[in-house]
Amino acid sequence: MSSTSIVGMNIVQKKFQQLPTGCLFKFIAIPGLILFSFYALFFIHTDNQSLDLISLPFPKSSDCRNSSTNSPTNLSHIGFIVIGSLNSWKHRKAYTASWWRPNVTRGYVFLDKEPTQEFLPWPSTSPPYQINYDITKLRAYPKIVSPVQVRMVHSILDMYRVGDKGLRWFIMCDDDTLFFVDNLVEVLQKYDHTKYIYVGGNSESIKSNARFSFDMGFGGAGYALSYPLVEALSKNLDDCIERYHYLYVSDHMAQSCLADIGVSLNLEKGIHQIDLHSDISGLLSSHPQSPLLSLHHFDVIDPLFPSKDRYESIKHLMKAAKVDQSRMLQQTICYQRETNWSFSVSWGYSTHIYESIIPRSILRKPLETFRPWARRSRPPHFMFNTRWLTNNSCETPHVFFLKSVEYTPDNQVLTTYVRSSPRNLPPCSATGSHSADPISRIQVFSPSSTRKRYEVIECCDVEYEVETNAAGVKMRSCMKDEVIA
């Protein structure tokens, strides 16, 4: 470069440095704008598609998003890992069939071996099956304490290796688990599926949680793992099994492996392990303020409805669930002041009438109709407060169970509950109380057009004429500052 050119460049540089900042920007911007306009007019004149070319450097916001990642979670994003065996599947497949939606729900039942001829052809009402990996090939197999439990936890890796596309969540569960999948979708929408997320529930039994971990999701009731977490777990699951070969419960092993990744449990109260025995109607009649997600252990509890067997009871409960899962077992309390009665509705399951005015703070505690999981354990037994059964006429309810569910002509949902058996107690002697013995039927009306929001309770009003055998309950939104007492 000549000395003359260098001197010229220095002069120009000094001129630029002497310009005020605003003028400098104008000096650069105006020629640039003229050049851009010429460029645009030229391409518009020569090619009608030039507008697309011009817009390329300025993508719309939607172009920057992955719609498959940011769209709301739906049922197609969930893959169920149903743990079964040929021995258990014989009598448990009816449990799974009650909630499985053919061609809608996704997942598999994982079996210990190939189905024999008695199971074939495989019914469409059940999840398709997969055969578990042969865990005898694991390096740690000679040291494993419980091969059956390791097969169960290894099913997470087996499911991941199937390679189904579009999944955001893996749901681990047993073959005697009953799911309420619409509620499950709504709850999982709260969580960021692109992160490491572990969602589950504790046992109802203090001793079970203390024996294993209060930070563990019990797999019988079902727990959820986000896809990225399963992906991370799959990279070292075999090593983790070797590290925890001495554990004899699959849920504890899975929780230990997740803890080593740095992930802890997100608790959901609607997931029910049902580590209880006998009659659980007291628990189901005072469900916590949370969407019902799952129920488990049907083989060790009484049928949910007194006049039906276990399978019939589940089918009957699911009749209401198919109409409105958002209100399933949700407790609504209201009063008939003229008769001094309290009504407690567990939607889709049961209704109680108490012959006295009892505040919600008391009625929300389940009646202890059930027995502890560990028969010889000392109290406290349960992870929640309970009310003891009593022969006090003012504290013992008249109990009504679901009879039918239908739509009314004005597009409401009508659930009808009938008395299961006589209470066989004298009327409450409190002043102003009336006997509820004549009542044989309770009709509950709820809106069909709106799902119940899980974070709020609903209120209700009672319609009853003295000396009639039926009462009506109308669900409604609670008024501002309404006290239920």
Protein backbone atom coordinates (compact mmCIF):
# COMPACT_ATOMS: atom_id res chain seq x y z
CA MET A 1 0.00 0.00 0.00
CA SER A 2 1.43 3.44 -0.94
CA SER A 3 2.21 6.11 1.62
CA THR A 4 -0.37 8.37 -0.01
CA SER A 5 -3.12 5.79 0.63
CA ILE A 6 -2.08 5.35 4.23
CA VAL A 7 -2.15 9.12 4.83
CA GLY A 8 -5.59 9.30 3.21
CA MET A 9 -6.95 6.57 5.49
CA ASN A 10 -5.58 8.33 8.57
CA ILE A 11 -7.32 11.55 7.56
CA VAL A 12 -10.65 9.72 7.11
CA GLN A 13 -10.22 7.97 10.48
CA LYS A 14 -9.63 11.32 12.23
CA LYS A 15 -12.72 12.77 10.54
CA PHE A 16 -14.82 9.89 11.88
CA GLN A 17 -13.40 10.31 15.37
CA GLN A 18 -14.31 14.00 15.37
CA LEU A 19 -17.98 13.31 14.45
CA PRO A 20 -20.56 13.29 17.30
CA THR A 21 -21.92 9.81 18.06
CA GLY A 22 -25.41 10.58 16.73
CA CYS A 23 -24.04 11.91 13.49
CA LEU A 24 -21.77 8.91 13.15
CA PHE A 25 -24.76 6.54 13.38
CA LYS A 26 -26.66 8.58 10.78
CA PHE A 27 -23.63 8.61 8.55
CA ILE A 28 -23.54 4.79 8.59
CA ALA A 29 -27.32 4.07 8.73
CA ILE A 30 -28.55 6.25 5.84
CA PRO A 31 -26.38 4.72 3.12
CA GLY A 32 -27.14 1.26 4.55
CA LEU A 33 -30.88 1.92 4.37
CA ILE A 34 -30.61 3.13 0.78
CA LEU A 35 -28.63 0.01 -0.15
CA PHE A 36 -31.16 -2.28 1.58
CA SER A 37 -34.10 -0.58 -0.23
CA PHE A 38 -32.39 -1.00 -3.57
CA TYR A 39 -31.71 -4.67 -2.73
CA ALA A 40 -35.36 -5.27 -1.80
CA LEU A 41 -36.82 -3.50 -4.85
CA PHE A 42 -34.47 -5.34 -7.16
CA PHE A 43 -35.48 -8.79 -5.84
CA ILE A 44 -39.17 -7.94 -5.71
CA HIS A 45 -38.96 -6.90 -9.33
CA THR A 46 -37.06 -9.99 -10.40
CA ASP A 47 -38.60 -12.70 -8.17
CA ASN A 48 -41.98 -12.76 -6.45
CA GLN A 49 -40.53 -15.09 -3.80
CA SER A 50 -37.97 -12.50 -2.68
CA LEU A 51 -40.08 -11.56 0.37
CA ASP A 52 -39.31 -14.95 1.84
CA LEU A 53 -35.62 -14.34 1.26
CA ILE A 54 -35.77 -10.97 2.96
CA SER A 55 -37.55 -12.43 6.01
CA LEU A 56 -35.01 -15.19 6.56
CA PRO A 57 -32.65 -13.15 8.78
CA PHE A 58 -35.65 -12.28 11.03
CA PRO A 59 -37.37 -15.58 11.99
CA LYS A 60 -40.73 -15.47 13.73
CA SER A 61 -40.73 -16.44 17.39
CA SER A 62 -42.52 -19.71 16.60
CA ASP A 63 -39.62 -20.72 14.36
CA CYS A 64 -37.32 -20.63 17.39
CA ARG A 65 -39.44 -23.02 19.45
CA ASN A 66 -39.68 -26.77 19.39
CA SER A 67 -43.47 -27.15 19.32
CA SER A 68 -43.23 -30.83 20.28
CA THR A 69 -41.39 -29.82 23.46
CA ASN A 70 -43.48 -26.80 24.45
CA SER A 71 -46.94 -28.13 23.66
CA PRO A 72 -49.02 -29.21 26.67
CA THR A 73 -48.45 -32.78 27.82
CA ASN A 74 -51.19 -35.16 26.73
CA LEU A 75 -51.86 -38.86 27.10
CA SER A 76 -49.82 -39.74 24.01
CA HIS A 77 -46.70 -38.44 25.78
CA ILE A 78 -46.96 -41.03 28.59
CA GLY A 79 -45.60 -44.58 28.41
CA PHE A 80 -46.76 -47.10 31.03
CA ILE A 81 -44.42 -49.81 32.31
CA VAL A 82 -46.85 -52.37 33.75
CA ILE A 83 -44.93 -54.99 35.74
CA GLY A 84 -46.53 -58.42 35.54
CA SER A 85 -45.81 -62.13 35.32
CA LEU A 86 -47.66 -65.02 33.75
CA ASN A 87 -48.81 -66.19 37.19
CA SER A 88 -50.20 -62.81 38.27
CA TRP A 89 -51.58 -61.76 34.88
CA LYS A 90 -54.17 -64.53 34.94
CA HIS A 91 -56.30 -62.77 37.51
CA ARG A 92 -54.94 -59.20 37.39
CA LYS A 93 -55.42 -58.36 33.74
CA ALA A 94 -58.97 -57.23 34.57
CA TYR A 95 -57.54 -54.50 36.81
CA THR A 96 -55.43 -53.10 33.97
CA ALA A 97 -58.20 -53.47 31.39
CA SER A 98 -60.46 -51.24 33.52
CA TRP A 99 -58.32 -48.15 32.83
CA TRP A 100 -56.38 -49.05 29.67
CA ARG A 101 -57.66 -47.31 26.52
CA PRO A 102 -56.86 -49.37 23.42
CA ASN A 103 -55.12 -47.36 20.67
CA VAL A 104 -54.92 -44.38 23.02
CA THR A 105 -52.78 -45.23 26.03
CA ARG A 106 -49.20 -46.25 25.31
CA GLY A 107 -46.90 -48.73 27.00
CA TYR A 108 -46.44 -52.43 27.68
CA VAL A 109 -46.94 -55.11 30.26
CA PHE A 110 -43.52 -56.61 30.97
CA LEU A 111 -43.62 -60.35 31.57
CA ASP A 112 -41.07 -62.77 32.97
CA LYS A 113 -41.50 -65.19 30.03
CA GLU A 114 -43.34 -65.70 26.77
CA PRO A 115 -47.12 -66.15 27.09
CA THR A 116 -48.33 -69.71 26.79
CA GLN A 117 -51.20 -70.73 24.55
CA GLU A 118 -53.81 -70.00 27.21
CA PHE A 119 -52.98 -66.27 26.99
CA LEU A 120 -53.19 -66.12 23.20
CA PRO A 121 -54.45 -64.44 21.15
CA TRP A 122 -53.39 -61.45 23.23
CA PRO A 123 -56.47 -59.24 23.81
CA SER A 124 -56.61 -55.66 22.53
CA THR A 125 -58.09 -54.59 25.88
CA SER A 126 -54.68 -55.17 27.50
CA PRO A 127 -51.39 -53.38 26.85
CA PRO A 128 -49.16 -55.18 24.35
CA TYR A 129 -46.54 -57.31 26.07
CA GLN A 130 -42.76 -57.30 26.19
CA ILE A 131 -40.45 -59.94 27.67
CA ASN A 132 -37.97 -58.68 30.23
CA TYR A 133 -34.23 -58.82 29.63
CA ASP A 134 -32.59 -61.94 31.02
CA ILE A 135 -31.07 -60.54 34.20
CA THR A 136 -28.96 -63.68 34.68
CA LYS A 137 -26.65 -62.03 32.14
CA LEU A 138 -25.99 -59.10 34.48
CA ARG A 139 -22.50 -58.92 35.90
CA ALA A 140 -23.95 -58.51 39.38
CA TYR A 141 -26.40 -61.42 39.12
CA PRO A 142 -24.54 -63.82 41.45
CA LYS A 143 -24.71 -61.22 44.24
CA ILE A 144 -28.34 -60.11 43.74
CA VAL A 145 -30.56 -60.71 46.77
CA SER A 146 -33.94 -60.54 44.98
CA PRO A 147 -33.88 -61.38 41.24
CA VAL A 148 -37.63 -60.74 40.88
CA GLN A 149 -37.23 -57.19 42.20
CA VAL A 150 -34.22 -56.55 39.97
CA ARG A 151 -36.26 -57.70 36.96
CA MET A 152 -38.84 -55.11 37.93
CA VAL A 153 -36.44 -52.18 38.21
CA HIS A 154 -34.63 -53.30 35.05
CA SER A 155 -37.96 -52.91 33.22
CA ILE A 156 -37.24 -49.17 33.13
CA LEU A 157 -34.24 -49.87 30.91
CA ASP A 158 -36.20 -52.48 28.93
CA MET A 159 -38.88 -49.88 28.17
CA TYR A 160 -36.30 -47.28 27.18
CA ARG A 161 -34.66 -49.74 24.80
CA VAL A 162 -37.98 -50.38 23.01
CA GLY A 163 -37.43 -46.91 21.60
CA ASP A 164 -40.99 -45.57 21.33
CA LYS A 165 -40.94 -42.02 19.95
CA GLY A 166 -42.55 -38.92 21.39
CA LEU A 167 -42.62 -40.01 25.04
CA ARG A 168 -42.09 -37.45 27.79
CA TRP A 169 -42.88 -39.61 30.81
CA PHE A 170 -42.44 -43.21 31.88
CA ILE A 171 -44.91 -44.50 34.49
CA MET A 172 -43.77 -47.48 36.54
CA CYS A 173 -46.62 -49.53 38.05
CA ASP A 174 -47.84 -53.00 39.04
CA ASP A 175 -50.44 -55.07 37.23
CA ASP A 176 -52.92 -54.51 40.06
CA THR A 177 -52.78 -50.72 39.83
CA LEU A 178 -55.82 -48.68 38.81
CA PHE A 179 -55.02 -45.36 37.08
CA PHE A 180 -57.09 -42.26 36.46
CA VAL A 181 -55.26 -41.15 33.35
CA ASP A 182 -57.02 -37.81 32.71
CA ASN A 183 -56.00 -36.63 36.17
CA LEU A 184 -52.51 -38.02 35.64
CA VAL A 185 -52.08 -35.91 32.50
CA GLU A 186 -53.25 -32.78 34.33
CA VAL A 187 -50.83 -33.32 37.21
CA LEU A 188 -47.84 -34.06 34.97
CA GLN A 189 -48.51 -30.83 33.09
CA LYS A 190 -47.32 -29.01 36.24
CA TYR A 191 -43.80 -30.37 35.80
CA ASP A 192 -41.08 -29.56 33.28
CA HIS A 193 -40.62 -32.82 31.41
CA THR A 194 -37.34 -31.59 29.89
CA LYS A 195 -35.66 -31.75 33.30
CA TYR A 196 -34.86 -34.61 35.66
CA ILE A 197 -38.22 -35.15 37.40
CA TYR A 198 -39.30 -38.00 39.72
CA VAL A 199 -42.96 -37.96 40.83
CA GLY A 200 -44.50 -40.46 43.23
CA GLY A 201 -46.30 -41.08 46.49
CA ASN A 202 -45.48 -42.36 49.96
CA SER A 203 -47.06 -45.35 51.60
CA GLU A 204 -50.02 -44.77 53.92
CA SER A 205 -48.04 -46.73 56.50
CA ILE A 206 -45.46 -44.94 58.64
CA LYS A 207 -43.58 -48.18 59.14
CA SER A 208 -43.29 -48.87 55.39
CA ASN A 209 -41.85 -45.42 54.74
CA ALA A 210 -39.47 -45.68 57.67
CA ARG A 211 -38.33 -49.14 56.58
CA PHE A 212 -37.38 -48.01 53.08
CA SER A 213 -37.43 -44.24 52.55
CA PHE A 214 -39.74 -41.27 53.01
CA ASP A 215 -38.16 -39.97 49.78
CA MET A 216 -39.27 -42.99 47.74
CA GLY A 217 -42.14 -43.35 45.28
CA PHE A 218 -43.89 -46.67 45.89
CA GLY A 219 -44.03 -48.46 42.55
CA GLY A 220 -47.19 -50.42 43.21
CA ALA A 221 -49.10 -47.15 43.29
CA GLY A 222 -47.01 -45.90 40.38
CA TYR A 223 -44.26 -43.33 39.97
CA ALA A 224 -43.34 -41.13 37.01
CA LEU A 225 -39.90 -40.45 35.53
CA SER A 226 -39.28 -37.77 32.91
CA TYR A 227 -37.68 -38.94 29.66
CA PRO A 228 -34.35 -37.14 30.25
CA LEU A 229 -34.13 -38.78 33.68
CA VAL A 230 -34.74 -42.24 32.23
CA GLU A 231 -32.15 -41.51 29.57
CA ALA A 232 -29.61 -40.61 32.25
CA LEU A 233 -30.58 -43.60 34.40
CA SER A 234 -30.25 -45.99 31.46
CA LYS A 235 -26.56 -45.14 31.10
CA ASN A 236 -25.63 -46.53 34.50
CA LEU A 237 -28.57 -48.67 35.68
CA ASP A 238 -26.63 -51.94 35.45
CA ASP A 239 -23.78 -50.44 37.46
CA CYS A 240 -26.28 -49.12 39.99
CA ILE A 241 -27.88 -52.55 40.35
CA GLU A 242 -24.45 -53.94 41.12
CA ARG A 243 -23.88 -51.17 43.66
CA TYR A 244 -27.21 -51.87 45.43
CA HIS A 245 -27.41 -55.64 44.85
CA TYR A 246 -28.26 -56.16 48.54
CA LEU A 247 -31.57 -54.24 48.35
CA TYR A 248 -34.62 -56.49 48.06
CA VAL A 249 -37.31 -54.00 46.95
CA SER A 250 -37.26 -52.60 43.40
CA ASP A 251 -38.67 -49.20 44.40
CA HIS A 252 -35.91 -48.75 46.97
CA MET A 253 -33.27 -49.69 44.42
CA ALA A 254 -34.69 -47.26 41.85
CA GLN A 255 -34.88 -44.47 44.43
CA SER A 256 -31.26 -45.12 45.45
CA CYS A 257 -30.09 -44.96 41.84
CA LEU A 258 -32.01 -41.71 41.29
CA ALA A 259 -30.54 -40.22 44.47
CA ASP A 260 -27.05 -40.95 43.13
CA ILE A 261 -27.93 -38.88 40.04
CA GLY A 262 -29.01 -36.09 42.39
CA VAL A 263 -32.79 -36.42 42.00
CA SER A 264 -35.31 -36.43 44.85
CA LEU A 265 -39.02 -37.22 44.95
CA ASN A 266 -41.89 -34.83 44.13
CA LEU A 267 -44.79 -36.01 46.28
CA GLU A 268 -48.36 -36.24 44.97
CA LYS A 269 -51.11 -37.07 47.48
CA GLY A 270 -53.40 -38.62 44.86
CA ILE A 271 -51.08 -41.61 44.36
CA HIS A 272 -52.25 -44.39 46.69
CA GLN A 273 -50.15 -47.41 47.55
CA ILE A 274 -52.93 -48.67 49.87
CA ASP A 275 -50.66 -50.33 52.40
CA LEU A 276 -53.79 -51.08 54.41
CA HIS A 277 -56.03 -54.08 55.09
CA SER A 278 -59.79 -54.71 55.10
CA ASP A 279 -62.32 -51.92 54.44
CA ILE A 280 -60.77 -48.74 52.99
CA SER A 281 -64.10 -46.94 52.51
CA GLY A 282 -63.22 -44.55 55.34
CA LEU A 283 -60.13 -43.41 53.45
CA LEU A 284 -61.88 -43.10 50.09
CA SER A 285 -64.72 -41.12 51.67
CA SER A 286 -62.31 -38.42 52.91
CA HIS A 287 -59.78 -38.14 50.11
CA PRO A 288 -57.10 -35.43 50.45
CA GLN A 289 -57.53 -32.24 48.42
CA SER A 290 -55.64 -33.56 45.43
CA PRO A 291 -56.61 -35.27 42.14
CA LEU A 292 -57.10 -39.03 42.43
CA LEU A 293 -54.28 -40.61 40.38
CA SER A 294 -54.04 -44.27 41.35
CA LEU A 295 -55.19 -47.06 43.66
CA HIS A 296 -53.28 -50.26 44.40
CA HIS A 297 -53.35 -53.56 46.36
CA PHE A 298 -56.87 -54.67 45.46
CA ASP A 299 -56.03 -58.27 46.33
CA VAL A 300 -55.53 -57.47 50.04
CA ILE A 301 -58.46 -55.11 50.68
CA ASP A 302 -62.21 -55.63 50.77
CA PRO A 303 -64.22 -54.88 47.62
CA LEU A 304 -64.79 -51.12 47.28
CA PHE A 305 -68.57 -51.58 47.22
CA PRO A 306 -70.21 -53.90 49.78
CA SER A 307 -72.59 -55.60 47.33
CA LYS A 308 -69.98 -56.36 44.64
CA ASP A 309 -66.80 -58.37 44.27
CA ARG A 310 -63.38 -56.80 43.57
CA TYR A 311 -63.64 -56.76 39.78
CA GLU A 312 -67.25 -55.59 39.76
CA SER A 313 -66.35 -52.84 42.24
CA ILE A 314 -63.60 -51.47 40.01
CA LYS A 315 -65.83 -51.50 36.93
CA HIS A 316 -68.51 -49.70 38.92
CA LEU A 317 -66.09 -47.03 40.18
CA MET A 318 -64.82 -46.45 36.64
CA LYS A 319 -68.35 -45.67 35.42
CA ALA A 320 -68.11 -42.40 37.32
CA ALA A 321 -64.47 -41.90 36.33
CA LYS A 322 -65.40 -42.07 32.63
CA VAL A 323 -67.81 -39.17 33.18
CA ASP A 324 -65.68 -36.85 35.33
CA GLN A 325 -62.28 -37.82 36.72
CA SER A 326 -61.61 -34.33 38.08
CA ARG A 327 -64.22 -34.87 40.83
CA MET A 328 -63.46 -38.51 41.61
CA LEU A 329 -63.43 -38.97 45.42
CA GLN A 330 -63.23 -35.20 45.90
CA GLN A 331 -64.84 -34.38 49.24
CA THR A 332 -67.56 -31.75 49.34
CA ILE A 333 -69.26 -30.80 52.61
CA CYS A 334 -72.48 -28.89 53.27
CA TYR A 335 -75.25 -28.67 55.85
CA GLN A 336 -79.01 -28.95 56.22
CA ARG A 337 -79.49 -26.52 59.09
CA GLU A 338 -83.22 -27.21 59.57
CA THR A 339 -82.55 -30.84 60.47
CA ASN A 340 -79.08 -30.25 61.93
CA TRP A 341 -77.43 -32.59 59.42
CA SER A 342 -73.95 -32.59 57.87
CA PHE A 343 -73.47 -34.03 54.37
CA SER A 344 -70.09 -35.28 53.18
CA VAL A 345 -69.94 -36.25 49.50
CA SER A 346 -67.05 -38.28 48.07
CA TRP A 347 -68.00 -37.78 44.44
CA GLY A 348 -68.39 -40.97 42.44
CA TYR A 349 -68.08 -43.21 45.50
CA SER A 350 -70.07 -42.46 48.66
CA THR A 351 -72.10 -39.94 50.64
CA HIS A 352 -72.38 -39.64 54.44
CA ILE A 353 -75.07 -37.99 56.56
CA TYR A 354 -74.24 -37.04 60.15
CA GLU A 355 -77.07 -36.12 62.52
CA SER A 356 -75.17 -33.10 63.85
CA ILE A 357 -73.25 -30.11 62.50
CA ILE A 358 -69.60 -31.15 62.24
CA PRO A 359 -66.92 -28.75 60.89
CA ARG A 360 -64.96 -29.62 57.78
CA SER A 361 -61.74 -29.66 59.82
CA ILE A 362 -63.06 -32.85 61.45
CA LEU A 363 -64.88 -34.46 58.51
CA ARG A 364 -61.78 -34.26 56.32
CA LYS A 365 -60.10 -36.85 58.61
CA PRO A 366 -60.83 -40.40 57.35
CA LEU A 367 -62.83 -42.78 59.50
CA GLU A 368 -60.54 -45.63 60.57
CA THR A 369 -62.49 -48.43 58.92
CA PHE A 370 -59.23 -50.11 57.82
CA ARG A 371 -56.45 -51.98 59.62
CA PRO A 372 -52.70 -51.22 59.54
CA TRP A 373 -50.44 -52.88 56.99
CA ALA A 374 -48.17 -54.31 59.68
CA ARG A 375 -50.54 -56.24 61.93
CA ARG A 376 -48.37 -56.16 65.06
CA SER A 377 -47.05 -52.61 64.77
CA ARG A 378 -47.59 -50.04 67.49
CA PRO A 379 -49.31 -46.71 66.83
CA PRO A 380 -49.03 -44.29 65.22
CA HIS A 381 -49.76 -46.38 62.14
CA PHE A 382 -50.73 -43.94 59.40
CA MET A 383 -49.30 -40.95 57.54
CA PHE A 384 -52.52 -39.00 58.15
CA ASN A 385 -54.87 -38.27 61.02
CA THR A 386 -57.95 -40.46 61.40
CA ARG A 387 -61.22 -40.54 63.33
CA TRP A 388 -61.99 -43.61 65.38
CA LEU A 389 -65.20 -45.53 64.84
CA THR A 390 -67.76 -44.94 67.56
CA ASN A 391 -71.30 -45.85 68.55
CA ASN A 392 -72.10 -42.20 69.28
CA SER A 393 -75.19 -41.45 67.19
CA CYS A 394 -74.11 -37.84 66.64
CA GLU A 395 -70.70 -38.85 65.23
CA THR A 396 -71.50 -42.03 63.24
CA PRO A 397 -72.62 -41.46 59.66
CA HIS A 398 -75.41 -42.94 57.62
CA VAL A 399 -73.46 -44.39 54.66
CA PHE A 400 -74.63 -44.38 51.04
CA PHE A 401 -72.67 -45.85 48.08
CA LEU A 402 -72.76 -44.99 44.38
CA LYS A 403 -75.67 -46.58 42.53
CA SER A 404 -75.65 -44.84 39.15
CA VAL A 405 -74.27 -41.94 37.10
CA GLU A 406 -76.11 -40.22 34.26
CA TYR A 407 -76.68 -36.92 32.49
CA THR A 408 -79.77 -34.83 33.16
CA PRO A 409 -81.81 -33.08 30.40
CA ASP A 410 -80.25 -29.74 31.42
CA ASN A 411 -76.75 -31.23 30.94
CA GLN A 412 -75.76 -31.79 34.53
CA VAL A 413 -74.21 -34.96 35.93
CA LEU A 414 -76.47 -36.82 38.34
CA THR A 415 -74.85 -39.36 40.66
CA THR A 416 -77.20 -41.35 42.87
CA TYR A 417 -76.12 -42.99 46.15
CA VAL A 418 -78.16 -45.57 48.07
CA ARG A 419 -77.98 -46.76 51.65
CA SER A 420 -75.76 -49.80 52.07
CA SER A 421 -77.28 -51.04 55.33
CA PRO A 422 -79.21 -49.72 58.33
CA ARG A 423 -77.12 -47.74 60.82
CA ASN A 424 -78.79 -49.54 63.76
CA LEU A 425 -78.30 -46.65 66.19
CA PRO A 426 -80.85 -44.41 67.91
CA PRO A 427 -81.20 -40.82 66.61
CA CYS A 428 -78.75 -38.20 67.79
CA SER A 429 -80.15 -36.64 70.95
CA ALA A 430 -78.69 -33.17 70.29
CA THR A 431 -81.24 -30.35 70.37
CA GLY A 432 -82.83 -29.79 66.97
CA SER A 433 -81.52 -32.96 65.39
CA HIS A 434 -83.71 -35.21 63.30
CA SER A 435 -83.28 -38.86 62.45
CA ALA A 436 -81.89 -39.56 58.95
CA ASP A 437 -83.11 -43.16 59.06
CA PRO A 438 -85.89 -42.52 56.49
CA ILE A 439 -83.34 -41.42 53.87
CA SER A 440 -82.65 -44.21 51.38
CA ARG A 441 -81.30 -42.24 48.42
CA ILE A 442 -79.14 -39.15 47.85
CA GLN A 443 -78.93 -37.44 44.47
CA VAL A 444 -75.90 -35.25 43.76
CA PHE A 445 -75.93 -32.77 40.87
CA SER A 446 -72.66 -31.44 39.45
CA PRO A 447 -71.77 -29.42 36.33
CA SER A 448 -70.80 -31.44 33.27
CA SER A 449 -69.17 -28.59 31.36
CA THR A 450 -66.28 -27.79 33.72
CA ARG A 451 -63.53 -29.84 35.30
CA LYS A 452 -62.94 -29.25 38.98
CA ARG A 453 -59.75 -27.32 39.63
CA TYR A 454 -57.53 -29.45 41.85
CA GLU A 455 -56.29 -26.54 43.95
CA VAL A 456 -59.75 -25.47 45.19
CA ILE A 457 -62.63 -27.17 46.96
CA GLU A 458 -66.27 -27.00 45.94
CA CYS A 459 -69.27 -26.22 48.13
CA CYS A 460 -72.83 -27.51 47.94
CA ASP A 461 -76.44 -26.90 48.96
CA VAL A 462 -78.90 -29.48 50.31
CA GLU A 463 -82.52 -29.82 49.22
CA TYR A 464 -84.65 -31.95 51.53
CA GLU A 465 -88.30 -32.11 52.55
CA VAL A 466 -89.01 -33.51 55.99
CA GLU A 467 -90.29 -37.10 56.14
CA THR A 468 -89.28 -37.90 52.56
CA ASN A 469 -86.87 -40.71 51.66
CA ALA A 470 -84.52 -38.74 49.39
CA ALA A 471 -82.25 -35.72 49.58
CA GLY A 472 -80.66 -33.64 46.82
CA VAL A 473 -77.20 -32.05 46.87
CA LYS A 474 -76.18 -29.41 44.34
CA MET A 475 -72.48 -28.75 43.82
CA ARG A 476 -71.38 -25.15 43.32
CA SER A 477 -68.39 -22.85 43.60
CA CYS A 478 -67.68 -21.64 47.11
CA MET A 479 -68.48 -18.01 47.82
CA LYS A 480 -65.75 -15.64 48.87
CA ASP A 481 -64.73 -16.23 52.50
CA GLU A 482 -67.35 -19.00 52.90
CA VAL A 483 -66.79 -21.02 56.09
CA ILE A 484 -67.73 -24.70 55.98
CA ALA A 485 -68.63 -25.27 59.62
